Amino acid sequence: MSDHETYDLFQQGKMHLGNGRPAQATVALEKAKRREPEKASIREALGIAYFRIQRWQEAEAEFRAMLELAPTDDYAHYALGRCL
């Protein structure tokens, strides 16, 4: 799978989030994360999707991973606090 396909998966996940379908978003975003685990934008979107379907532990793990990648990311701190 190419970088372009990974980006398409990310965009598909974001579209599902925007359309109020967080469970469907997790499918595309989990695939994208497997391809690019170091992309904070993918981890953020996946964390949001998990949060919206009340999968608190998975959401927490994604926001913690975001903070490993970007320790000063204000949104990641906020989102992690909400998960906890």
PDB file of N, CA and C in Angstrom:
ATOM      1  N   MET A   1       0.855  -1.178   0.000  1.00  0.00           N
ATOM      2  CA  MET A   1       0.000   0.000   0.000  1.00  0.00           C
ATOM      3  C   MET A   1       0.899   1.239   0.000  1.00  0.00           C
ATOM      4  N   SER A   2       0.579   2.189  -0.830  1.00  0.00           N
ATOM      5  CA  SER A   2       1.396   3.387  -0.962  1.00  0.00           C
ATOM      6  C   SER A   2       0.995   4.449   0.057  1.00  0.00           C
ATOM      7  N   ASP A   3       1.838   5.489   0.135  1.00  0.00           N
ATOM      8  CA  ASP A   3       1.518   6.621   1.002  1.00  0.00           C
ATOM      9  C   ASP A   3       0.197   7.261   0.592  1.00  0.00           C
ATOM     10  N   HIS A   4      -0.068   7.274  -0.707  1.00  0.00           N
ATOM     11  CA  HIS A   4      -1.322   7.856  -1.202  1.00  0.00           C
ATOM     12  C   HIS A   4      -2.520   7.064  -0.678  1.00  0.00           C
ATOM     13  N   GLU A   5      -2.401   5.743  -0.670  1.00  0.00           N
ATOM     14  CA  GLU A   5      -3.498   4.916  -0.174  1.00  0.00           C
ATOM     15  C   GLU A   5      -3.695   5.103   1.328  1.00  0.00           C
ATOM     16  N   THR A   6      -2.589   5.279   2.044  1.00  0.00           N
ATOM     17  CA  THR A   6      -2.688   5.548   3.477  1.00  0.00           C
ATOM     18  C   THR A   6      -3.406   6.865   3.716  1.00  0.00           C
ATOM     19  N   TYR A   7      -3.057   7.879   2.934  1.00  0.00           N
ATOM     20  CA  TYR A   7      -3.726   9.170   3.043  1.00  0.00           C
ATOM     21  C   TYR A   7      -5.218   9.036   2.727  1.00  0.00           C
ATOM     22  N   ASP A   8      -5.558   8.237   1.720  1.00  0.00           N
ATOM     23  CA  ASP A   8      -6.969   8.017   1.381  1.00  0.00           C
ATOM     24  C   ASP A   8      -7.717   7.367   2.542  1.00  0.00           C
ATOM     25  N   LEU A   9      -7.082   6.401   3.214  1.00  0.00           N
ATOM     26  CA  LEU A   9      -7.702   5.775   4.388  1.00  0.00           C
ATOM     27  C   LEU A   9      -7.933   6.809   5.485  1.00  0.00           C
ATOM     28  N   PHE A  10      -6.936   7.661   5.703  1.00  0.00           N
ATOM     29  CA  PHE A  10      -7.059   8.727   6.701  1.00  0.00           C
ATOM     30  C   PHE A  10      -8.221   9.654   6.353  1.00  0.00           C
ATOM     31  N   GLN A  11      -8.298  10.061   5.113  1.00  0.00           N
ATOM     32  CA  GLN A  11      -9.376  10.957   4.680  1.00  0.00           C
ATOM     33  C   GLN A  11     -10.743  10.276   4.792  1.00  0.00           C
ATOM     34  N   GLN A  12     -10.798   8.992   4.485  1.00  0.00           N
ATOM     35  CA  GLN A  12     -12.054   8.247   4.617  1.00  0.00           C
ATOM     36  C   GLN A  12     -12.481   8.220   6.084  1.00  0.00           C
ATOM     37  N   GLY A  13     -11.530   7.978   6.975  1.00  0.00           N
ATOM     38  CA  GLY A  13     -11.838   7.988   8.405  1.00  0.00           C
ATOM     39  C   GLY A  13     -12.326   9.345   8.870  1.00  0.00           C
ATOM     40  N   LYS A  14     -11.657  10.404   8.431  1.00  0.00           N
ATOM     41  CA  LYS A  14     -12.083  11.763   8.794  1.00  0.00           C
ATOM     42  C   LYS A  14     -13.486  12.061   8.262  1.00  0.00           C
ATOM     43  N   MET A  15     -13.786  11.590   7.065  1.00  0.00           N
ATOM     44  CA  MET A  15     -15.116  11.800   6.494  1.00  0.00           C
ATOM     45  C   MET A  15     -16.174  11.104   7.354  1.00  0.00           C
ATOM     46  N   HIS A  16     -15.894   9.867   7.751  1.00  0.00           N
ATOM     47  CA  HIS A  16     -16.848   9.150   8.607  1.00  0.00           C
ATOM     48  C   HIS A  16     -17.041   9.890   9.933  1.00  0.00           C
ATOM     49  N   LEU A  17     -15.961  10.394  10.509  1.00  0.00           N
ATOM     50  CA  LEU A  17     -16.080  11.179  11.751  1.00  0.00           C
ATOM     51  C   LEU A  17     -16.963  12.395  11.530  1.00  0.00           C
ATOM     52  N   GLY A  18     -16.708  13.105  10.444  1.00  0.00           N
ATOM     53  CA  GLY A  18     -17.476  14.304  10.141  1.00  0.00           C
ATOM     54  C   GLY A  18     -18.942  14.031   9.883  1.00  0.00           C
ATOM     55  N   ASN A  19     -19.243  12.819   9.436  1.00  0.00           N
ATOM     56  CA  ASN A  19     -20.622  12.439   9.156  1.00  0.00           C
ATOM     57  C   ASN A  19     -21.275  11.707  10.317  1.00  0.00           C
ATOM     58  N   GLY A  20     -20.627  11.736  11.473  1.00  0.00           N
ATOM     59  CA  GLY A  20     -21.220  11.133  12.667  1.00  0.00           C
ATOM     60  C   GLY A  20     -21.180   9.616  12.696  1.00  0.00           C
ATOM     61  N   ARG A  21     -20.187   9.024  12.025  1.00  0.00           N
ATOM     62  CA  ARG A  21     -20.061   7.567  11.997  1.00  0.00           C
ATOM     63  C   ARG A  21     -18.699   7.134  12.555  1.00  0.00           C
ATOM     64  N   PRO A  22     -18.492   7.346  13.859  1.00  0.00           N
ATOM     65  CA  PRO A  22     -17.175   7.040  14.426  1.00  0.00           C
ATOM     66  C   PRO A  22     -16.802   5.566  14.381  1.00  0.00           C
ATOM     67  N   ALA A  23     -17.774   4.662  14.480  1.00  0.00           N
ATOM     68  CA  ALA A  23     -17.437   3.228  14.419  1.00  0.00           C
ATOM     69  C   ALA A  23     -16.863   2.872  13.051  1.00  0.00           C
ATOM     70  N   GLN A  24     -17.465   3.407  11.991  1.00  0.00           N
ATOM     71  CA  GLN A  24     -16.941   3.167  10.645  1.00  0.00           C
ATOM     72  C   GLN A  24     -15.575   3.831  10.468  1.00  0.00           C
ATOM     73  N   ALA A  25     -15.391   4.975  11.114  1.00  0.00           N
ATOM     74  CA  ALA A  25     -14.109   5.678  11.019  1.00  0.00           C
ATOM     75  C   ALA A  25     -12.969   4.822  11.562  1.00  0.00           C
ATOM     76  N   THR A  26     -13.247   4.056  12.623  1.00  0.00           N
ATOM     77  CA  THR A  26     -12.175   3.260  13.219  1.00  0.00           C
ATOM     78  C   THR A  26     -11.608   2.239  12.236  1.00  0.00           C
ATOM     79  N   VAL A  27     -12.439   1.713  11.353  1.00  0.00           N
ATOM     80  CA  VAL A  27     -11.968   0.699  10.397  1.00  0.00           C
ATOM     81  C   VAL A  27     -10.873   1.278   9.509  1.00  0.00           C
ATOM     82  N   ALA A  28     -11.167   2.393   8.867  1.00  0.00           N
ATOM     83  CA  ALA A  28     -10.190   3.021   7.972  1.00  0.00           C
ATOM     84  C   ALA A  28      -8.983   3.542   8.743  1.00  0.00           C
ATOM     85  N   LEU A  29      -9.238   4.141   9.900  1.00  0.00           N
ATOM     86  CA  LEU A  29      -8.139   4.741  10.662  1.00  0.00           C
ATOM     87  C   LEU A  29      -7.214   3.690  11.269  1.00  0.00           C
ATOM     88  N   GLU A  30      -7.751   2.550  11.671  1.00  0.00           N
ATOM     89  CA  GLU A  30      -6.895   1.482  12.168  1.00  0.00           C
ATOM     90  C   GLU A  30      -5.982   0.956  11.060  1.00  0.00           C
ATOM     91  N   LYS A  31      -6.517   0.854   9.850  1.00  0.00           N
ATOM     92  CA  LYS A  31      -5.691   0.433   8.709  1.00  0.00           C
ATOM     93  C   LYS A  31      -4.592   1.463   8.441  1.00  0.00           C
ATOM     94  N   ALA A  32      -4.965   2.736   8.477  1.00  0.00           N
ATOM     95  CA  ALA A  32      -3.979   3.792   8.253  1.00  0.00           C
ATOM     96  C   ALA A  32      -2.903   3.770   9.343  1.00  0.00           C
ATOM     97  N   LYS A  33      -3.305   3.543  10.579  1.00  0.00           N
ATOM     98  CA  LYS A  33      -2.345   3.507  11.688  1.00  0.00           C
ATOM     99  C   LYS A  33      -1.365   2.348  11.528  1.00  0.00           C
ATOM    100  N   ARG A  34      -1.834   1.214  11.064  1.00  0.00           N
ATOM    101  CA  ARG A  34      -0.924   0.089  10.847  1.00  0.00           C
ATOM    102  C   ARG A  34       0.147   0.450   9.825  1.00  0.00           C
ATOM    103  N   ARG A  35      -0.216   1.269   8.848  1.00  0.00           N
ATOM    104  CA  ARG A  35       0.738   1.693   7.805  1.00  0.00           C
ATOM    105  C   ARG A  35       1.665   2.805   8.287  1.00  0.00           C
ATOM    106  N   GLU A  36       1.132   3.728   9.091  1.00  0.00           N
ATOM    107  CA  GLU A  36       1.889   4.915   9.519  1.00  0.00           C
ATOM    108  C   GLU A  36       1.702   5.149  11.014  1.00  0.00           C
ATOM    109  N   PRO A  37       2.244   4.296  11.878  1.00  0.00           N
ATOM    110  CA  PRO A  37       2.014   4.438  13.321  1.00  0.00           C
ATOM    111  C   PRO A  37       2.624   5.701  13.939  1.00  0.00           C
ATOM    112  N   GLU A  38       3.511   6.352  13.223  1.00  0.00           N
ATOM    113  CA  GLU A  38       4.154   7.557  13.757  1.00  0.00           C
ATOM    114  C   GLU A  38       3.469   8.852  13.330  1.00  0.00           C
ATOM    115  N   LYS A  39       2.331   8.758  12.686  1.00  0.00           N
ATOM    116  CA  LYS A  39       1.590   9.949  12.245  1.00  0.00           C
ATOM    117  C   LYS A  39       0.611  10.384  13.332  1.00  0.00           C
ATOM    118  N   ALA A  40       0.906  11.500  13.958  1.00  0.00           N
ATOM    119  CA  ALA A  40       0.055  11.999  15.040  1.00  0.00           C
ATOM    120  C   ALA A  40      -1.354  12.317  14.548  1.00  0.00           C
ATOM    121  N   SER A  41      -1.490  12.767  13.310  1.00  0.00           N
ATOM    122  CA  SER A  41      -2.816  13.120  12.795  1.00  0.00           C
ATOM    123  C   SER A  41      -3.718  11.889  12.712  1.00  0.00           C
ATOM    124  N   ILE A  42      -3.158  10.761  12.332  1.00  0.00           N
ATOM    125  CA  ILE A  42      -3.940   9.519  12.280  1.00  0.00           C
ATOM    126  C   ILE A  42      -4.311   9.093  13.694  1.00  0.00           C
ATOM    127  N   ARG A  43      -3.345   9.169  14.619  1.00  0.00           N
ATOM    128  CA  ARG A  43      -3.592   8.752  16.001  1.00  0.00           C
ATOM    129  C   ARG A  43      -4.656   9.643  16.645  1.00  0.00           C
ATOM    130  N   GLU A  44      -4.616  10.946  16.333  1.00  0.00           N
ATOM    131  CA  GLU A  44      -5.618  11.864  16.879  1.00  0.00           C
ATOM    132  C   GLU A  44      -7.018  11.504  16.395  1.00  0.00           C
ATOM    133  N   ALA A  45      -7.158  11.323  15.092  1.00  0.00           N
ATOM    134  CA  ALA A  45      -8.474  10.997  14.539  1.00  0.00           C
ATOM    135  C   ALA A  45      -8.986   9.667  15.101  1.00  0.00           C
ATOM    136  N   LEU A  46      -8.097   8.692  15.236  1.00  0.00           N
ATOM    137  CA  LEU A  46      -8.502   7.402  15.781  1.00  0.00           C
ATOM    138  C   LEU A  46      -8.888   7.533  17.252  1.00  0.00           C
ATOM    139  N   GLY A  47      -8.142   8.342  17.996  1.00  0.00           N
ATOM    140  CA  GLY A  47      -8.499   8.589  19.391  1.00  0.00           C
ATOM    141  C   GLY A  47      -9.864   9.231  19.522  1.00  0.00           C
ATOM    142  N   ILE A  48     -10.153  10.174  18.659  1.00  0.00           N
ATOM    143  CA  ILE A  48     -11.472  10.826  18.671  1.00  0.00           C
ATOM    144  C   ILE A  48     -12.566   9.810  18.358  1.00  0.00           C
ATOM    145  N   ALA A  49     -12.330   8.971  17.357  1.00  0.00           N
ATOM    146  CA  ALA A  49     -13.330   7.956  16.999  1.00  0.00           C
ATOM    147  C   ALA A  49     -13.573   7.011  18.171  1.00  0.00           C
ATOM    148  N   TYR A  50     -12.499   6.537  18.790  1.00  0.00           N
ATOM    149  CA  TYR A  50     -12.658   5.651  19.945  1.00  0.00           C
ATOM    150  C   TYR A  50     -13.420   6.357  21.066  1.00  0.00           C
ATOM    151  N   PHE A  51     -13.079   7.608  21.312  1.00  0.00           N
ATOM    152  CA  PHE A  51     -13.743   8.369  22.372  1.00  0.00           C
ATOM    153  C   PHE A  51     -15.249   8.454  22.109  1.00  0.00           C
ATOM    154  N   ARG A  52     -15.603   8.719  20.876  1.00  0.00           N
ATOM    155  CA  ARG A  52     -17.021   8.895  20.534  1.00  0.00           C
ATOM    156  C   ARG A  52     -17.832   7.611  20.649  1.00  0.00           C
ATOM    157  N   ILE A  53     -17.165   6.461  20.554  1.00  0.00           N
ATOM    158  CA  ILE A  53     -17.902   5.198  20.727  1.00  0.00           C
ATOM    159  C   ILE A  53     -17.602   4.594  22.104  1.00  0.00           C
ATOM    160  N   GLN A  54     -17.105   5.426  22.983  1.00  0.00           N
ATOM    161  CA  GLN A  54     -16.887   5.095  24.396  1.00  0.00           C
ATOM    162  C   GLN A  54     -15.914   3.936  24.609  1.00  0.00           C
ATOM    163  N   ARG A  55     -14.933   3.849  23.749  1.00  0.00           N
ATOM    164  CA  ARG A  55     -13.846   2.885  23.946  1.00  0.00           C
ATOM    165  C   ARG A  55     -12.704   3.648  24.609  1.00  0.00           C
ATOM    166  N   TRP A  56     -12.902   3.918  25.895  1.00  0.00           N
ATOM    167  CA  TRP A  56     -12.050   4.848  26.643  1.00  0.00           C
ATOM    168  C   TRP A  56     -10.587   4.415  26.669  1.00  0.00           C
ATOM    169  N   GLN A  57     -10.325   3.143  26.909  1.00  0.00           N
ATOM    170  CA  GLN A  57      -8.927   2.698  27.018  1.00  0.00           C
ATOM    171  C   GLN A  57      -8.189   2.843  25.699  1.00  0.00           C
ATOM    172  N   GLU A  58      -8.853   2.512  24.595  1.00  0.00           N
ATOM    173  CA  GLU A  58      -8.220   2.678  23.288  1.00  0.00           C
ATOM    174  C   GLU A  58      -7.989   4.155  22.980  1.00  0.00           C
ATOM    175  N   ALA A  59      -8.955   4.995  23.320  1.00  0.00           N
ATOM    176  CA  ALA A  59      -8.797   6.432  23.112  1.00  0.00           C
ATOM    177  C   ALA A  59      -7.622   6.953  23.929  1.00  0.00           C
ATOM    178  N   GLU A  60      -7.555   6.551  25.189  1.00  0.00           N
ATOM    179  CA  GLU A  60      -6.448   6.965  26.052  1.00  0.00           C
ATOM    180  C   GLU A  60      -5.109   6.558  25.444  1.00  0.00           C
ATOM    181  N   ALA A  61      -5.017   5.336  24.948  1.00  0.00           N
ATOM    182  CA  ALA A  61      -3.764   4.856  24.354  1.00  0.00           C
ATOM    183  C   ALA A  61      -3.360   5.699  23.145  1.00  0.00           C
ATOM    184  N   GLU A  62      -4.335   6.079  22.329  1.00  0.00           N
ATOM    185  CA  GLU A  62      -4.019   6.898  21.149  1.00  0.00           C
ATOM    186  C   GLU A  62      -3.532   8.283  21.551  1.00  0.00           C
ATOM    187  N   PHE A  63      -4.180   8.888  22.538  1.00  0.00           N
ATOM    188  CA  PHE A  63      -3.753  10.233  22.947  1.00  0.00           C
ATOM    189  C   PHE A  63      -2.407  10.190  23.671  1.00  0.00           C
ATOM    190  N   ARG A  64      -2.136   9.121  24.397  1.00  0.00           N
ATOM    191  CA  ARG A  64      -0.809   8.967  25.003  1.00  0.00           C
ATOM    192  C   ARG A  64       0.253   8.811  23.911  1.00  0.00           C
ATOM    193  N   ALA A  65      -0.067   8.050  22.875  1.00  0.00           N
ATOM    194  CA  ALA A  65       0.867   7.895  21.759  1.00  0.00           C
ATOM    195  C   ALA A  65       1.113   9.231  21.075  1.00  0.00           C
ATOM    196  N   MET A  66       0.047  10.031  20.937  1.00  0.00           N
ATOM    197  CA  MET A  66       0.209  11.371  20.359  1.00  0.00           C
ATOM    198  C   MET A  66       1.198  12.194  21.166  1.00  0.00           C
ATOM    199  N   LEU A  67       1.082  12.108  22.488  1.00  0.00           N
ATOM    200  CA  LEU A  67       1.977  12.894  23.343  1.00  0.00           C
ATOM    201  C   LEU A  67       3.415  12.401  23.264  1.00  0.00           C
ATOM    202  N   GLU A  68       3.607  11.131  22.986  1.00  0.00           N
ATOM    203  CA  GLU A  68       4.962  10.631  22.753  1.00  0.00           C
ATOM    204  C   GLU A  68       5.531  11.244  21.478  1.00  0.00           C
ATOM    205  N   LEU A  69       4.678  11.379  20.469  1.00  0.00           N
ATOM    206  CA  LEU A  69       5.102  11.936  19.182  1.00  0.00           C
ATOM    207  C   LEU A  69       5.228  13.456  19.219  1.00  0.00           C
ATOM    208  N   ALA A  70       4.345  14.109  19.967  1.00  0.00           N
ATOM    209  CA  ALA A  70       4.305  15.582  20.012  1.00  0.00           C
ATOM    210  C   ALA A  70       3.975  16.013  21.444  1.00  0.00           C
ATOM    211  N   PRO A  71       4.980  16.045  22.331  1.00  0.00           N
ATOM    212  CA  PRO A  71       4.737  16.306  23.757  1.00  0.00           C
ATOM    213  C   PRO A  71       4.063  17.636  24.072  1.00  0.00           C
ATOM    214  N   THR A  72       4.130  18.599  23.171  1.00  0.00           N
ATOM    215  CA  THR A  72       3.538  19.906  23.452  1.00  0.00           C
ATOM    216  C   THR A  72       2.170  20.094  22.787  1.00  0.00           C
ATOM    217  N   ASP A  73       1.611  19.041  22.235  1.00  0.00           N
ATOM    218  CA  ASP A  73       0.317  19.137  21.557  1.00  0.00           C
ATOM    219  C   ASP A  73      -0.784  19.387  22.590  1.00  0.00           C
ATOM    220  N   ASP A  74      -1.319  20.596  22.583  1.00  0.00           N
ATOM    221  CA  ASP A  74      -2.342  20.982  23.559  1.00  0.00           C
ATOM    222  C   ASP A  74      -3.590  20.109  23.460  1.00  0.00           C
ATOM    223  N   TYR A  75      -4.017  19.801  22.237  1.00  0.00           N
ATOM    224  CA  TYR A  75      -5.229  19.001  22.080  1.00  0.00           C
ATOM    225  C   TYR A  75      -5.032  17.605  22.659  1.00  0.00           C
ATOM    226  N   ALA A  76      -3.874  17.018  22.464  1.00  0.00           N
ATOM    227  CA  ALA A  76      -3.609  15.679  22.998  1.00  0.00           C
ATOM    228  C   ALA A  76      -3.690  15.684  24.513  1.00  0.00           C
ATOM    229  N   HIS A  77      -3.169  16.729  25.165  1.00  0.00           N
ATOM    230  CA  HIS A  77      -3.275  16.843  26.618  1.00  0.00           C
ATOM    231  C   HIS A  77      -4.736  16.949  27.049  1.00  0.00           C
ATOM    232  N   TYR A  78      -5.479  17.788  26.357  1.00  0.00           N
ATOM    233  CA  TYR A  78      -6.898  17.979  26.657  1.00  0.00           C
ATOM    234  C   TYR A  78      -7.675  16.683  26.481  1.00  0.00           C
ATOM    235  N   ALA A  79      -7.465  16.021  25.336  1.00  0.00           N
ATOM    236  CA  ALA A  79      -8.210  14.802  25.025  1.00  0.00           C
ATOM    237  C   ALA A  79      -7.854  13.675  26.010  1.00  0.00           C
ATOM    238  N   LEU A  80      -6.589  13.568  26.361  1.00  0.00           N
ATOM    239  CA  LEU A  80      -6.190  12.556  27.330  1.00  0.00           C
ATOM    240  C   LEU A  80      -6.879  12.815  28.660  1.00  0.00           C
ATOM    241  N   GLY A  81      -6.927  14.058  29.073  1.00  0.00           N
ATOM    242  CA  GLY A  81      -7.622  14.411  30.312  1.00  0.00           C
ATOM    243  C   GLY A  81      -9.090  14.016  30.271  1.00  0.00           C
ATOM    244  N   ARG A  82      -9.731  14.212  29.156  1.00  0.00           N
ATOM    245  CA  ARG A  82     -11.143  13.815  29.024  1.00  0.00           C
ATOM    246  C   ARG A  82     -11.298  12.309  29.110  1.00  0.00           C
ATOM    247  N   CYS A  83     -10.373  11.573  28.552  1.00  0.00           N
ATOM    248  CA  CYS A  83     -10.438  10.106  28.611  1.00  0.00           C
ATOM    249  C   CYS A  83     -10.302   9.617  30.049  1.00  0.00           C
ATOM    250  N   LEU A  84      -9.419  10.263  30.781  1.00  0.00           N
ATOM    251  CA  LEU A  84      -9.174   9.838  32.161  1.00  0.00           C
ATOM    252  C   LEU A  84     -10.311  10.264  33.063  1.00  0.00           C
TER     253      LEU A  84
END
